[in-house]
Amino acid sequence: MKPRSLLLTAAGAAILSWSLPAQASSLKVSTCQIRTHDHVVVFLNEFLKKAQKNDIGLNLRYIGGPEITPFAKQGGLLKRGLIDMIMCPAPYYGADLPEARLLGAHNKSLEEMRKNGAYAMLQEAWGKGLNARILAWPGFEVSTFFMYTKFEPKLSKKTGIDLSGVKMRSTGLYKPFLQAMDAIPVGIAPGDVYTGLERGVVQGIAWPKGSVTKYGWEKFLRYKVTPNFYGATFLLIVNQDKWNSLTQKERDFLTKVSAEYEKNSDLAIGANLAADEAKLKKAGVKTVALKGEYAKAYLDTIYDAKWKVNDKYKYTVDYKKLKSLMYEK
């Protein structure tokens, strides 16, 4: 090829490259709960569908939930960049990030934690320990936890209710207080709880408010214990390397949609939770309302046991400071 032809070819390639639009970014999105879970339904409607309807070419592809990727592995896969974004209870990836174990046991509001620096410390921890960035903490005002059992719990002045020798479905979030109540924690994935209750593998569960009837557990559970305890643990997070690879316009867009999702999630999730509560009542699930010294013993056992265990781990940020900003007894 002659020199002039080479120059023309190079010039043409440069013009073509300049005229083509930039390659759109693509993110693989997963959830740790099933698609019909109350929090996931709201996530898909209030975040994913709205984020997918953009005019900047950003592509967010939902690859499924725990039926595709086991919930306990999603945090580690996100850390390695094999999944780009997950909406998941933080304690599920506590093995990959010690600070993830702290969520739920907090009793400060999200607004308080943003003002006092706790949120910034969590953001730092997620970046250092999980190679991730927190985009939203949804359902903060309405997400809480309850104990559900197949039997009517006996009262205990020491721990609120007596679970001595009782097999209870557990995760890392619940195990400390279940052990403090002398229960036998049994690790079972949410998808296997139905069979566990049916076959007597477990006699009860600790579970976030909502989605009990989505799994059909009301068929076996007969009692719900109050007061409620703990707070929201679901976080929407994105792999830090993927985040850094996005354009500023793409990051600004996702930040905006995430903030709207977080703001709207309380109302949307609250409506779903109310529907679940109505179904539980219709199914005949009765409330055991602890009061006075029993309620105090119950809550003290739940919170003290969790923070006592939390104190033993090594963290990526200043744990004592973070604890003081998240929890006040």
C-alpha atoms as a PDB file:
ATOM      1  CA  MET A   1       0.000   0.000   0.000  1.00  0.00           C
ATOM      2  CA  LYS A   2       1.297   3.450  -0.928  1.00  0.00           C
ATOM      3  CA  PRO A   3       2.065   6.040   1.825  1.00  0.00           C
ATOM      4  CA  ARG A   4      -0.787   8.276   0.672  1.00  0.00           C
ATOM      5  CA  SER A   5      -3.212   5.352   0.912  1.00  0.00           C
ATOM      6  CA  LEU A   6      -1.963   4.585   4.415  1.00  0.00           C
ATOM      7  CA  LEU A   7      -2.574   8.165   5.491  1.00  0.00           C
ATOM      8  CA  LEU A   8      -6.095   8.150   4.062  1.00  0.00           C
ATOM      9  CA  THR A   9      -6.857   4.842   5.788  1.00  0.00           C
ATOM     10  CA  ALA A  10      -5.593   6.132   9.131  1.00  0.00           C
ATOM     11  CA  ALA A  11      -7.535   9.365   8.760  1.00  0.00           C
ATOM     12  CA  GLY A  12     -10.712   7.470   7.904  1.00  0.00           C
ATOM     13  CA  ALA A  13     -10.305   5.218  10.938  1.00  0.00           C
ATOM     14  CA  ALA A  14      -9.794   8.251  13.168  1.00  0.00           C
ATOM     15  CA  ILE A  15     -12.929   9.934  11.834  1.00  0.00           C
ATOM     16  CA  LEU A  16     -14.941   6.715  12.282  1.00  0.00           C
ATOM     17  CA  SER A  17     -13.672   6.295  15.847  1.00  0.00           C
ATOM     18  CA  TRP A  18     -14.503   9.907  16.675  1.00  0.00           C
ATOM     19  CA  SER A  19     -18.005   9.640  15.241  1.00  0.00           C
ATOM     20  CA  LEU A  20     -18.992   6.397  17.000  1.00  0.00           C
ATOM     21  CA  PRO A  21     -20.684   6.702  20.433  1.00  0.00           C
ATOM     22  CA  ALA A  22     -18.717   5.556  23.476  1.00  0.00           C
ATOM     23  CA  GLN A  23     -19.260   1.958  24.566  1.00  0.00           C
ATOM     24  CA  ALA A  24     -22.111   1.893  27.108  1.00  0.00           C
ATOM     25  CA  SER A  25     -21.337   0.542  30.570  1.00  0.00           C
ATOM     26  CA  SER A  26     -23.024  -2.678  31.636  1.00  0.00           C
ATOM     27  CA  LEU A  27     -23.620  -3.939  35.192  1.00  0.00           C
ATOM     28  CA  LYS A  28     -24.659  -7.411  36.371  1.00  0.00           C
ATOM     29  CA  VAL A  29     -27.166  -7.066  39.222  1.00  0.00           C
ATOM     30  CA  SER A  30     -28.164  -9.719  41.759  1.00  0.00           C
ATOM     31  CA  THR A  31     -30.264 -10.005  44.931  1.00  0.00           C
ATOM     32  CA  CYS A  32     -29.746 -12.245  47.953  1.00  0.00           C
ATOM     33  CA  GLN A  33     -33.476 -12.882  48.367  1.00  0.00           C
ATOM     34  CA  ILE A  34     -35.986 -14.372  45.951  1.00  0.00           C
ATOM     35  CA  ARG A  35     -37.695 -12.193  43.371  1.00  0.00           C
ATOM     36  CA  THR A  36     -41.017 -12.174  45.282  1.00  0.00           C
ATOM     37  CA  HIS A  37     -39.481 -11.051  48.593  1.00  0.00           C
ATOM     38  CA  ASP A  38     -40.993  -7.737  49.729  1.00  0.00           C
ATOM     39  CA  HIS A  39     -37.661  -5.898  49.670  1.00  0.00           C
ATOM     40  CA  VAL A  40     -36.718  -7.342  46.285  1.00  0.00           C
ATOM     41  CA  VAL A  41     -40.068  -6.418  44.728  1.00  0.00           C
ATOM     42  CA  VAL A  42     -39.540  -2.819  45.815  1.00  0.00           C
ATOM     43  CA  PHE A  43     -35.915  -2.865  44.662  1.00  0.00           C
ATOM     44  CA  LEU A  44     -36.884  -4.078  41.197  1.00  0.00           C
ATOM     45  CA  ASN A  45     -39.671  -1.504  40.872  1.00  0.00           C
ATOM     46  CA  GLU A  46     -38.179   1.517  42.611  1.00  0.00           C
ATOM     47  CA  PHE A  47     -34.558   1.162  41.555  1.00  0.00           C
ATOM     48  CA  LEU A  48     -33.823  -1.314  38.782  1.00  0.00           C
ATOM     49  CA  LYS A  49     -36.689  -0.517  36.404  1.00  0.00           C
ATOM     50  CA  LYS A  50     -36.113   3.213  36.819  1.00  0.00           C
ATOM     51  CA  ALA A  51     -32.357   2.875  36.393  1.00  0.00           C
ATOM     52  CA  GLN A  52     -32.841   0.800  33.246  1.00  0.00           C
ATOM     53  CA  LYS A  53     -34.935   3.569  31.689  1.00  0.00           C
ATOM     54  CA  ASN A  54     -32.091   5.966  31.032  1.00  0.00           C
ATOM     55  CA  ASP A  55     -30.967   7.976  28.046  1.00  0.00           C
ATOM     56  CA  ILE A  56     -27.230   7.562  28.617  1.00  0.00           C
ATOM     57  CA  GLY A  57     -26.941   3.983  27.380  1.00  0.00           C
ATOM     58  CA  LEU A  58     -26.280   2.505  30.831  1.00  0.00           C
ATOM     59  CA  ASN A  59     -27.227  -1.182  30.920  1.00  0.00           C
ATOM     60  CA  LEU A  60     -28.225  -2.875  34.187  1.00  0.00           C
ATOM     61  CA  ARG A  61     -28.959  -6.580  33.783  1.00  0.00           C
ATOM     62  CA  TYR A  62     -30.696  -8.506  36.552  1.00  0.00           C
ATOM     63  CA  ILE A  63     -29.108 -11.965  36.630  1.00  0.00           C
ATOM     64  CA  GLY A  64     -31.398 -13.338  39.347  1.00  0.00           C
ATOM     65  CA  GLY A  65     -31.344 -14.087  43.047  1.00  0.00           C
ATOM     66  CA  PRO A  66     -30.237 -16.967  45.278  1.00  0.00           C
ATOM     67  CA  GLU A  67     -31.677 -19.489  42.832  1.00  0.00           C
ATOM     68  CA  ILE A  68     -28.812 -18.487  40.521  1.00  0.00           C
ATOM     69  CA  THR A  69     -26.138 -17.320  42.956  1.00  0.00           C
ATOM     70  CA  PRO A  70     -26.180 -18.606  46.579  1.00  0.00           C
ATOM     71  CA  PHE A  71     -26.814 -15.682  48.923  1.00  0.00           C
ATOM     72  CA  ALA A  72     -23.759 -16.415  51.075  1.00  0.00           C
ATOM     73  CA  LYS A  73     -21.446 -16.138  48.063  1.00  0.00           C
ATOM     74  CA  GLN A  74     -22.723 -12.904  46.585  1.00  0.00           C
ATOM     75  CA  GLY A  75     -20.596 -10.587  48.728  1.00  0.00           C
ATOM     76  CA  GLY A  76     -17.396 -12.425  47.832  1.00  0.00           C
ATOM     77  CA  LEU A  77     -18.313 -12.496  44.144  1.00  0.00           C
ATOM     78  CA  LEU A  78     -18.980  -8.758  44.181  1.00  0.00           C
ATOM     79  CA  LYS A  79     -15.650  -8.166  45.912  1.00  0.00           C
ATOM     80  CA  ARG A  80     -13.885  -9.995  43.063  1.00  0.00           C
ATOM     81  CA  GLY A  81     -15.904  -8.178  40.397  1.00  0.00           C
ATOM     82  CA  LEU A  82     -17.809 -11.244  39.159  1.00  0.00           C
ATOM     83  CA  ILE A  83     -21.052  -9.484  40.100  1.00  0.00           C
ATOM     84  CA  ASP A  84     -21.244  -5.709  39.803  1.00  0.00           C
ATOM     85  CA  MET A  85     -24.144  -4.815  42.090  1.00  0.00           C
ATOM     86  CA  ILE A  86     -26.109  -6.605  44.810  1.00  0.00           C
ATOM     87  CA  MET A  87     -29.071  -5.765  47.025  1.00  0.00           C
ATOM     88  CA  CYS A  88     -28.531  -7.915  50.066  1.00  0.00           C
ATOM     89  CA  PRO A  89     -28.711  -8.078  53.882  1.00  0.00           C
ATOM     90  CA  ALA A  90     -25.211  -7.072  54.949  1.00  0.00           C
ATOM     91  CA  PRO A  91     -24.774  -9.867  57.557  1.00  0.00           C
ATOM     92  CA  TYR A  92     -24.951 -12.387  54.702  1.00  0.00           C
ATOM     93  CA  TYR A  93     -21.420 -11.381  53.694  1.00  0.00           C
ATOM     94  CA  GLY A  94     -20.102 -10.895  57.219  1.00  0.00           C
ATOM     95  CA  ALA A  95     -17.425 -13.532  56.550  1.00  0.00           C
ATOM     96  CA  ASP A  96     -15.952 -11.227  53.904  1.00  0.00           C
ATOM     97  CA  LEU A  97     -16.381  -7.989  55.856  1.00  0.00           C
ATOM     98  CA  PRO A  98     -16.546  -7.856  59.690  1.00  0.00           C
ATOM     99  CA  GLU A  99     -18.303  -4.468  59.683  1.00  0.00           C
ATOM    100  CA  ALA A 100     -21.215  -6.065  57.827  1.00  0.00           C
ATOM    101  CA  ARG A 101     -22.029  -7.902  61.057  1.00  0.00           C
ATOM    102  CA  LEU A 102     -22.768  -4.597  62.784  1.00  0.00           C
ATOM    103  CA  LEU A 103     -25.799  -3.672  60.706  1.00  0.00           C
ATOM    104  CA  GLY A 104     -29.070  -4.553  62.347  1.00  0.00           C
ATOM    105  CA  ALA A 105     -27.746  -4.121  65.872  1.00  0.00           C
ATOM    106  CA  HIS A 106     -27.700  -0.342  65.422  1.00  0.00           C
ATOM    107  CA  ASN A 107     -30.298   1.802  67.191  1.00  0.00           C
ATOM    108  CA  LYS A 108     -29.423   5.192  65.704  1.00  0.00           C
ATOM    109  CA  SER A 109     -31.423   6.565  62.791  1.00  0.00           C
ATOM    110  CA  LEU A 110     -29.969   6.801  59.307  1.00  0.00           C
ATOM    111  CA  GLU A 111     -30.099  10.592  59.555  1.00  0.00           C
ATOM    112  CA  GLU A 112     -28.169  10.486  62.829  1.00  0.00           C
ATOM    113  CA  MET A 113     -25.539   8.170  61.381  1.00  0.00           C
ATOM    114  CA  ARG A 114     -25.080  10.389  58.352  1.00  0.00           C
ATOM    115  CA  LYS A 115     -24.618  13.421  60.583  1.00  0.00           C
ATOM    116  CA  ASN A 116     -22.364  11.869  63.223  1.00  0.00           C
ATOM    117  CA  GLY A 117     -19.977  10.203  60.763  1.00  0.00           C
ATOM    118  CA  ALA A 118     -21.018   6.565  61.211  1.00  0.00           C
ATOM    119  CA  TYR A 119     -22.216   6.295  57.604  1.00  0.00           C
ATOM    120  CA  ALA A 120     -18.929   7.684  56.309  1.00  0.00           C
ATOM    121  CA  MET A 121     -17.054   5.103  58.380  1.00  0.00           C
ATOM    122  CA  LEU A 122     -19.231   2.321  56.974  1.00  0.00           C
ATOM    123  CA  GLN A 123     -18.564   3.597  53.477  1.00  0.00           C
ATOM    124  CA  GLU A 124     -14.838   3.482  54.212  1.00  0.00           C
ATOM    125  CA  ALA A 125     -15.098  -0.056  55.594  1.00  0.00           C
ATOM    126  CA  TRP A 126     -17.042  -1.337  52.575  1.00  0.00           C
ATOM    127  CA  GLY A 127     -14.433   0.203  50.285  1.00  0.00           C
ATOM    128  CA  LYS A 128     -11.428  -1.231  52.111  1.00  0.00           C
ATOM    129  CA  GLY A 129     -12.824  -4.618  53.068  1.00  0.00           C
ATOM    130  CA  LEU A 130     -15.255  -5.502  50.283  1.00  0.00           C
ATOM    131  CA  ASN A 131     -14.032  -3.361  47.390  1.00  0.00           C
ATOM    132  CA  ALA A 132     -17.532  -1.908  47.328  1.00  0.00           C
ATOM    133  CA  ARG A 133     -19.453   1.333  47.537  1.00  0.00           C
ATOM    134  CA  ILE A 134     -22.753   1.725  49.389  1.00  0.00           C
ATOM    135  CA  LEU A 135     -25.394   3.286  47.150  1.00  0.00           C
ATOM    136  CA  ALA A 136     -28.511   3.011  49.332  1.00  0.00           C
ATOM    137  CA  TRP A 137     -29.788   1.758  52.687  1.00  0.00           C
ATOM    138  CA  PRO A 138     -33.449   1.061  51.814  1.00  0.00           C
ATOM    139  CA  GLY A 139     -36.404   0.451  54.104  1.00  0.00           C
ATOM    140  CA  PHE A 140     -34.574   1.938  57.062  1.00  0.00           C
ATOM    141  CA  GLU A 141     -37.603   3.289  58.912  1.00  0.00           C
ATOM    142  CA  VAL A 142     -39.871   0.256  58.450  1.00  0.00           C
ATOM    143  CA  SER A 143     -37.483  -2.707  58.488  1.00  0.00           C
ATOM    144  CA  THR A 144     -37.298  -4.429  61.843  1.00  0.00           C
ATOM    145  CA  PHE A 145     -37.234  -7.975  63.218  1.00  0.00           C
ATOM    146  CA  PHE A 146     -39.457 -10.376  65.097  1.00  0.00           C
ATOM    147  CA  MET A 147     -39.290 -13.877  66.508  1.00  0.00           C
ATOM    148  CA  TYR A 148     -41.822 -16.433  65.209  1.00  0.00           C
ATOM    149  CA  THR A 149     -42.441 -19.865  66.733  1.00  0.00           C
ATOM    150  CA  LYS A 150     -44.499 -23.013  66.234  1.00  0.00           C
ATOM    151  CA  PHE A 151     -45.206 -23.118  69.971  1.00  0.00           C
ATOM    152  CA  GLU A 152     -46.337 -20.619  72.599  1.00  0.00           C
ATOM    153  CA  PRO A 153     -43.108 -19.337  74.221  1.00  0.00           C
ATOM    154  CA  LYS A 154     -42.673 -19.522  77.983  1.00  0.00           C
ATOM    155  CA  LEU A 155     -41.698 -16.295  79.737  1.00  0.00           C
ATOM    156  CA  SER A 156     -38.290 -15.845  81.332  1.00  0.00           C
ATOM    157  CA  LYS A 157     -37.200 -13.021  83.637  1.00  0.00           C
ATOM    158  CA  LYS A 158     -33.639 -13.624  82.496  1.00  0.00           C
ATOM    159  CA  THR A 159     -34.018 -13.574  78.693  1.00  0.00           C
ATOM    160  CA  GLY A 160     -37.625 -12.548  78.086  1.00  0.00           C
ATOM    161  CA  ILE A 161     -38.656 -15.904  76.644  1.00  0.00           C
ATOM    162  CA  ASP A 162     -37.318 -19.360  77.384  1.00  0.00           C
ATOM    163  CA  LEU A 163     -35.843 -21.064  74.310  1.00  0.00           C
ATOM    164  CA  SER A 164     -33.790 -23.661  76.179  1.00  0.00           C
ATOM    165  CA  GLY A 165     -33.028 -26.565  73.844  1.00  0.00           C
ATOM    166  CA  VAL A 166     -35.251 -25.198  71.066  1.00  0.00           C
ATOM    167  CA  LYS A 167     -33.916 -25.464  67.513  1.00  0.00           C
ATOM    168  CA  MET A 168     -34.228 -22.069  65.824  1.00  0.00           C
ATOM    169  CA  ARG A 169     -33.355 -21.089  62.264  1.00  0.00           C
ATOM    170  CA  SER A 170     -30.332 -18.803  62.426  1.00  0.00           C
ATOM    171  CA  THR A 171     -27.878 -16.588  60.577  1.00  0.00           C
ATOM    172  CA  GLY A 172     -24.832 -14.736  61.872  1.00  0.00           C
ATOM    173  CA  LEU A 173     -27.118 -11.885  62.915  1.00  0.00           C
ATOM    174  CA  TYR A 174     -29.293 -14.030  65.187  1.00  0.00           C
ATOM    175  CA  LYS A 175     -26.876 -16.676  66.454  1.00  0.00           C
ATOM    176  CA  PRO A 176     -25.453 -14.663  69.415  1.00  0.00           C
ATOM    177  CA  PHE A 177     -28.800 -13.921  71.068  1.00  0.00           C
ATOM    178  CA  LEU A 178     -30.232 -17.358  70.286  1.00  0.00           C
ATOM    179  CA  GLN A 179     -27.261 -18.887  72.064  1.00  0.00           C
ATOM    180  CA  ALA A 180     -27.726 -16.429  74.935  1.00  0.00           C
ATOM    181  CA  MET A 181     -31.307 -17.719  75.194  1.00  0.00           C
ATOM    182  CA  ASP A 182     -29.960 -21.308  75.265  1.00  0.00           C
ATOM    183  CA  ALA A 183     -31.599 -22.117  71.931  1.00  0.00           C
ATOM    184  CA  ILE A 184     -29.912 -24.334  69.345  1.00  0.00           C
ATOM    185  CA  PRO A 185     -29.126 -22.203  66.251  1.00  0.00           C
ATOM    186  CA  VAL A 186     -29.556 -24.050  62.954  1.00  0.00           C
ATOM    187  CA  GLY A 187     -28.200 -22.479  59.771  1.00  0.00           C
ATOM    188  CA  ILE A 188     -30.766 -22.844  56.986  1.00  0.00           C
ATOM    189  CA  ALA A 189     -31.110 -20.844  53.776  1.00  0.00           C
ATOM    190  CA  PRO A 190     -34.459 -19.017  53.438  1.00  0.00           C
ATOM    191  CA  GLY A 191     -35.501 -21.331  50.616  1.00  0.00           C
ATOM    192  CA  ASP A 192     -35.142 -24.351  52.910  1.00  0.00           C
ATOM    193  CA  VAL A 193     -36.963 -22.958  55.945  1.00  0.00           C
ATOM    194  CA  TYR A 194     -40.370 -24.263  54.778  1.00  0.00           C
ATOM    195  CA  THR A 195     -39.096 -27.846  54.751  1.00  0.00           C
ATOM    196  CA  GLY A 196     -37.236 -27.244  58.010  1.00  0.00           C
ATOM    197  CA  LEU A 197     -40.430 -26.124  59.743  1.00  0.00           C
ATOM    198  CA  GLU A 198     -42.462 -28.874  58.137  1.00  0.00           C
ATOM    199  CA  ARG A 199     -40.083 -31.630  59.234  1.00  0.00           C
ATOM    200  CA  GLY A 200     -39.349 -30.208  62.673  1.00  0.00           C
ATOM    201  CA  VAL A 201     -35.721 -29.405  61.896  1.00  0.00           C
ATOM    202  CA  VAL A 202     -36.451 -25.996  63.445  1.00  0.00           C
ATOM    203  CA  GLN A 203     -39.245 -24.873  65.748  1.00  0.00           C
ATOM    204  CA  GLY A 204     -39.083 -21.202  64.971  1.00  0.00           C
ATOM    205  CA  ILE A 205     -37.306 -18.346  63.233  1.00  0.00           C
ATOM    206  CA  ALA A 206     -36.008 -14.833  63.729  1.00  0.00           C
ATOM    207  CA  TRP A 207     -36.857 -12.871  60.604  1.00  0.00           C
ATOM    208  CA  PRO A 208     -37.224  -9.330  59.244  1.00  0.00           C
ATOM    209  CA  LYS A 209     -40.775  -8.059  59.160  1.00  0.00           C
ATOM    210  CA  GLY A 210     -42.387  -9.093  55.871  1.00  0.00           C
ATOM    211  CA  SER A 211     -42.319 -11.903  53.308  1.00  0.00           C
ATOM    212  CA  VAL A 212     -43.220 -14.597  55.838  1.00  0.00           C
ATOM    213  CA  THR A 213     -46.277 -15.488  53.781  1.00  0.00           C
ATOM    214  CA  LYS A 214     -44.330 -15.234  50.509  1.00  0.00           C
ATOM    215  CA  TYR A 215     -42.469 -18.329  51.669  1.00  0.00           C
ATOM    216  CA  GLY A 216     -45.600 -20.003  53.048  1.00  0.00           C
ATOM    217  CA  TRP A 217     -44.212 -20.241  56.573  1.00  0.00           C
ATOM    218  CA  GLU A 218     -47.498 -19.138  58.145  1.00  0.00           C
ATOM    219  CA  LYS A 219     -48.669 -22.712  57.598  1.00  0.00           C
ATOM    220  CA  PHE A 220     -46.430 -23.798  60.487  1.00  0.00           C
ATOM    221  CA  LEU A 221     -45.750 -20.685  62.577  1.00  0.00           C
ATOM    222  CA  ARG A 222     -48.371 -19.967  65.228  1.00  0.00           C
ATOM    223  CA  TYR A 223     -46.879 -17.176  67.366  1.00  0.00           C
ATOM    224  CA  LYS A 224     -45.138 -13.861  66.789  1.00  0.00           C
ATOM    225  CA  VAL A 225     -43.181 -12.339  69.694  1.00  0.00           C
ATOM    226  CA  THR A 226     -43.065  -8.605  70.347  1.00  0.00           C
ATOM    227  CA  PRO A 227     -41.441  -6.135  70.902  1.00  0.00           C
ATOM    228  CA  ASN A 228     -39.564  -5.855  67.643  1.00  0.00           C
ATOM    229  CA  PHE A 229     -35.787  -5.549  67.610  1.00  0.00           C
ATOM    230  CA  TYR A 230     -32.863  -4.546  65.387  1.00  0.00           C
ATOM    231  CA  GLY A 231     -33.105  -2.447  62.244  1.00  0.00           C
ATOM    232  CA  ALA A 232     -32.610  -2.473  58.495  1.00  0.00           C
ATOM    233  CA  THR A 233     -29.728  -4.570  57.150  1.00  0.00           C
ATOM    234  CA  PHE A 234     -30.399  -4.453  53.398  1.00  0.00           C
ATOM    235  CA  LEU A 235     -27.876  -2.449  51.411  1.00  0.00           C
ATOM    236  CA  LEU A 236     -27.549  -1.713  47.720  1.00  0.00           C
ATOM    237  CA  ILE A 237     -23.842  -1.869  46.942  1.00  0.00           C
ATOM    238  CA  VAL A 238     -21.692  -1.762  43.817  1.00  0.00           C
ATOM    239  CA  ASN A 239     -18.198  -3.073  43.099  1.00  0.00           C
ATOM    240  CA  GLN A 240     -15.751  -0.180  43.587  1.00  0.00           C
ATOM    241  CA  ASP A 241     -13.695  -0.954  40.476  1.00  0.00           C
ATOM    242  CA  LYS A 242     -16.838  -1.059  38.343  1.00  0.00           C
ATOM    243  CA  TRP A 243     -17.980   2.204  39.924  1.00  0.00           C
ATOM    244  CA  ASN A 244     -14.657   3.857  39.123  1.00  0.00           C
ATOM    245  CA  SER A 245     -14.879   2.651  35.522  1.00  0.00           C
ATOM    246  CA  LEU A 246     -18.198   4.424  34.961  1.00  0.00           C
ATOM    247  CA  THR A 247     -18.350   7.881  33.458  1.00  0.00           C
ATOM    248  CA  GLN A 248     -19.174  10.800  35.740  1.00  0.00           C
ATOM    249  CA  LYS A 249     -22.557  11.085  34.053  1.00  0.00           C
ATOM    250  CA  GLU A 250     -23.274   7.408  34.792  1.00  0.00           C
ATOM    251  CA  ARG A 251     -22.190   7.752  38.428  1.00  0.00           C
ATOM    252  CA  ASP A 252     -24.303  10.873  38.884  1.00  0.00           C
ATOM    253  CA  PHE A 253     -27.305   9.089  37.403  1.00  0.00           C
ATOM    254  CA  LEU A 254     -26.960   6.021  39.650  1.00  0.00           C
ATOM    255  CA  THR A 255     -26.431   8.234  42.712  1.00  0.00           C
ATOM    256  CA  LYS A 256     -29.630  10.104  41.918  1.00  0.00           C
ATOM    257  CA  VAL A 257     -31.736   6.975  41.344  1.00  0.00           C
ATOM    258  CA  SER A 258     -30.277   5.327  44.463  1.00  0.00           C
ATOM    259  CA  ALA A 259     -31.189   8.322  46.619  1.00  0.00           C
ATOM    260  CA  GLU A 260     -34.740   8.297  45.269  1.00  0.00           C
ATOM    261  CA  TYR A 261     -34.992   4.557  45.853  1.00  0.00           C
ATOM    262  CA  GLU A 262     -33.798   4.921  49.431  1.00  0.00           C
ATOM    263  CA  LYS A 263     -36.277   7.742  50.063  1.00  0.00           C
ATOM    264  CA  ASN A 264     -39.261   5.960  48.478  1.00  0.00           C
ATOM    265  CA  SER A 265     -38.481   2.521  49.866  1.00  0.00           C
ATOM    266  CA  ASP A 266     -40.019   3.072  53.307  1.00  0.00           C
ATOM    267  CA  LEU A 267     -43.465   3.813  51.894  1.00  0.00           C
ATOM    268  CA  ALA A 268     -43.337   1.053  49.268  1.00  0.00           C
ATOM    269  CA  ILE A 269     -41.902  -1.608  51.574  1.00  0.00           C
ATOM    270  CA  GLY A 270     -44.236  -0.521  54.359  1.00  0.00           C
ATOM    271  CA  ALA A 271     -47.259  -1.249  52.164  1.00  0.00           C
ATOM    272  CA  ASN A 272     -45.954  -4.731  51.385  1.00  0.00           C
ATOM    273  CA  LEU A 273     -45.197  -5.401  55.045  1.00  0.00           C
ATOM    274  CA  ALA A 274     -48.718  -4.398  56.047  1.00  0.00           C
ATOM    275  CA  ALA A 275     -50.136  -6.848  53.509  1.00  0.00           C
ATOM    276  CA  ASP A 276     -47.965  -9.626  54.931  1.00  0.00           C
ATOM    277  CA  GLU A 277     -49.072  -8.789  58.473  1.00  0.00           C
ATOM    278  CA  ALA A 278     -52.719  -9.023  57.412  1.00  0.00           C
ATOM    279  CA  LYS A 279     -52.134 -12.465  55.894  1.00  0.00           C
ATOM    280  CA  LEU A 280     -50.396 -13.666  59.053  1.00  0.00           C
ATOM    281  CA  LYS A 281     -53.365 -12.542  61.144  1.00  0.00           C
ATOM    282  CA  LYS A 282     -55.771 -14.258  58.771  1.00  0.00           C
ATOM    283  CA  ALA A 283     -53.693 -17.450  59.038  1.00  0.00           C
ATOM    284  CA  GLY A 284     -54.204 -17.389  62.797  1.00  0.00           C
ATOM    285  CA  VAL A 285     -50.726 -16.310  63.909  1.00  0.00           C
ATOM    286  CA  LYS A 286     -51.102 -14.889  67.432  1.00  0.00           C
ATOM    287  CA  THR A 287     -48.982 -12.179  69.053  1.00  0.00           C
ATOM    288  CA  VAL A 288     -47.155 -12.771  72.313  1.00  0.00           C
ATOM    289  CA  ALA A 289     -46.581  -9.224  73.589  1.00  0.00           C
ATOM    290  CA  LEU A 290     -43.822  -9.086  76.179  1.00  0.00           C
ATOM    291  CA  LYS A 291     -44.126  -6.207  78.627  1.00  0.00           C
ATOM    292  CA  GLY A 292     -42.318  -4.694  81.587  1.00  0.00           C
ATOM    293  CA  GLU A 293     -39.358  -6.682  82.915  1.00  0.00           C
ATOM    294  CA  TYR A 294     -39.871  -9.416  80.336  1.00  0.00           C
ATOM    295  CA  ALA A 295     -39.655  -7.013  77.410  1.00  0.00           C
ATOM    296  CA  LYS A 296     -36.560  -5.380  78.905  1.00  0.00           C
ATOM    297  CA  ALA A 297     -34.867  -8.733  79.517  1.00  0.00           C
ATOM    298  CA  TYR A 298     -35.726  -9.799  75.957  1.00  0.00           C
ATOM    299  CA  LEU A 299     -34.256  -6.707  74.297  1.00  0.00           C
ATOM    300  CA  ASP A 300     -31.241  -6.539  76.606  1.00  0.00           C
ATOM    301  CA  THR A 301     -30.409 -10.156  75.782  1.00  0.00           C
ATOM    302  CA  ILE A 302     -30.765  -9.592  72.045  1.00  0.00           C
ATOM    303  CA  TYR A 303     -28.619  -6.446  71.850  1.00  0.00           C
ATOM    304  CA  ASP A 304     -26.045  -7.271  74.520  1.00  0.00           C
ATOM    305  CA  ALA A 305     -25.321 -10.701  73.070  1.00  0.00           C
ATOM    306  CA  LYS A 306     -24.773  -9.321  69.584  1.00  0.00           C
ATOM    307  CA  TRP A 307     -22.461  -6.501  70.624  1.00  0.00           C
ATOM    308  CA  LYS A 308     -20.528  -8.811  72.938  1.00  0.00           C
ATOM    309  CA  VAL A 309     -19.715 -10.987  69.925  1.00  0.00           C
ATOM    310  CA  ASN A 310     -19.031  -7.934  67.751  1.00  0.00           C
ATOM    311  CA  ASP A 311     -16.394  -6.815  70.252  1.00  0.00           C
ATOM    312  CA  LYS A 312     -14.267  -9.889  69.452  1.00  0.00           C
ATOM    313  CA  TYR A 313     -13.647  -9.247  65.755  1.00  0.00           C
ATOM    314  CA  LYS A 314     -10.923  -7.227  64.056  1.00  0.00           C
ATOM    315  CA  TYR A 315     -12.187  -4.438  61.837  1.00  0.00           C
ATOM    316  CA  THR A 316     -10.935  -2.301  58.974  1.00  0.00           C
ATOM    317  CA  VAL A 317     -11.973   0.947  60.703  1.00  0.00           C
ATOM    318  CA  ASP A 318     -11.992   2.192  64.316  1.00  0.00           C
ATOM    319  CA  TYR A 319     -14.528  -0.217  65.841  1.00  0.00           C
ATOM    320  CA  LYS A 320     -14.986   1.494  69.206  1.00  0.00           C
ATOM    321  CA  LYS A 321     -15.709   4.804  67.549  1.00  0.00           C
ATOM    322  CA  LEU A 322     -18.048   3.256  64.984  1.00  0.00           C
ATOM    323  CA  LYS A 323     -19.943   1.332  67.686  1.00  0.00           C
ATOM    324  CA  SER A 324     -20.456   4.511  69.706  1.00  0.00           C
ATOM    325  CA  LEU A 325     -21.875   6.238  66.612  1.00  0.00           C
ATOM    326  CA  MET A 326     -24.228   3.359  65.703  1.00  0.00           C
ATOM    327  CA  TYR A 327     -25.474   2.172  69.072  1.00  0.00           C
ATOM    328  CA  GLU A 328     -26.405   3.752  72.374  1.00  0.00           C
ATOM    329  CA  LYS A 329     -27.684   1.642  75.251  1.00  0.00           C
END
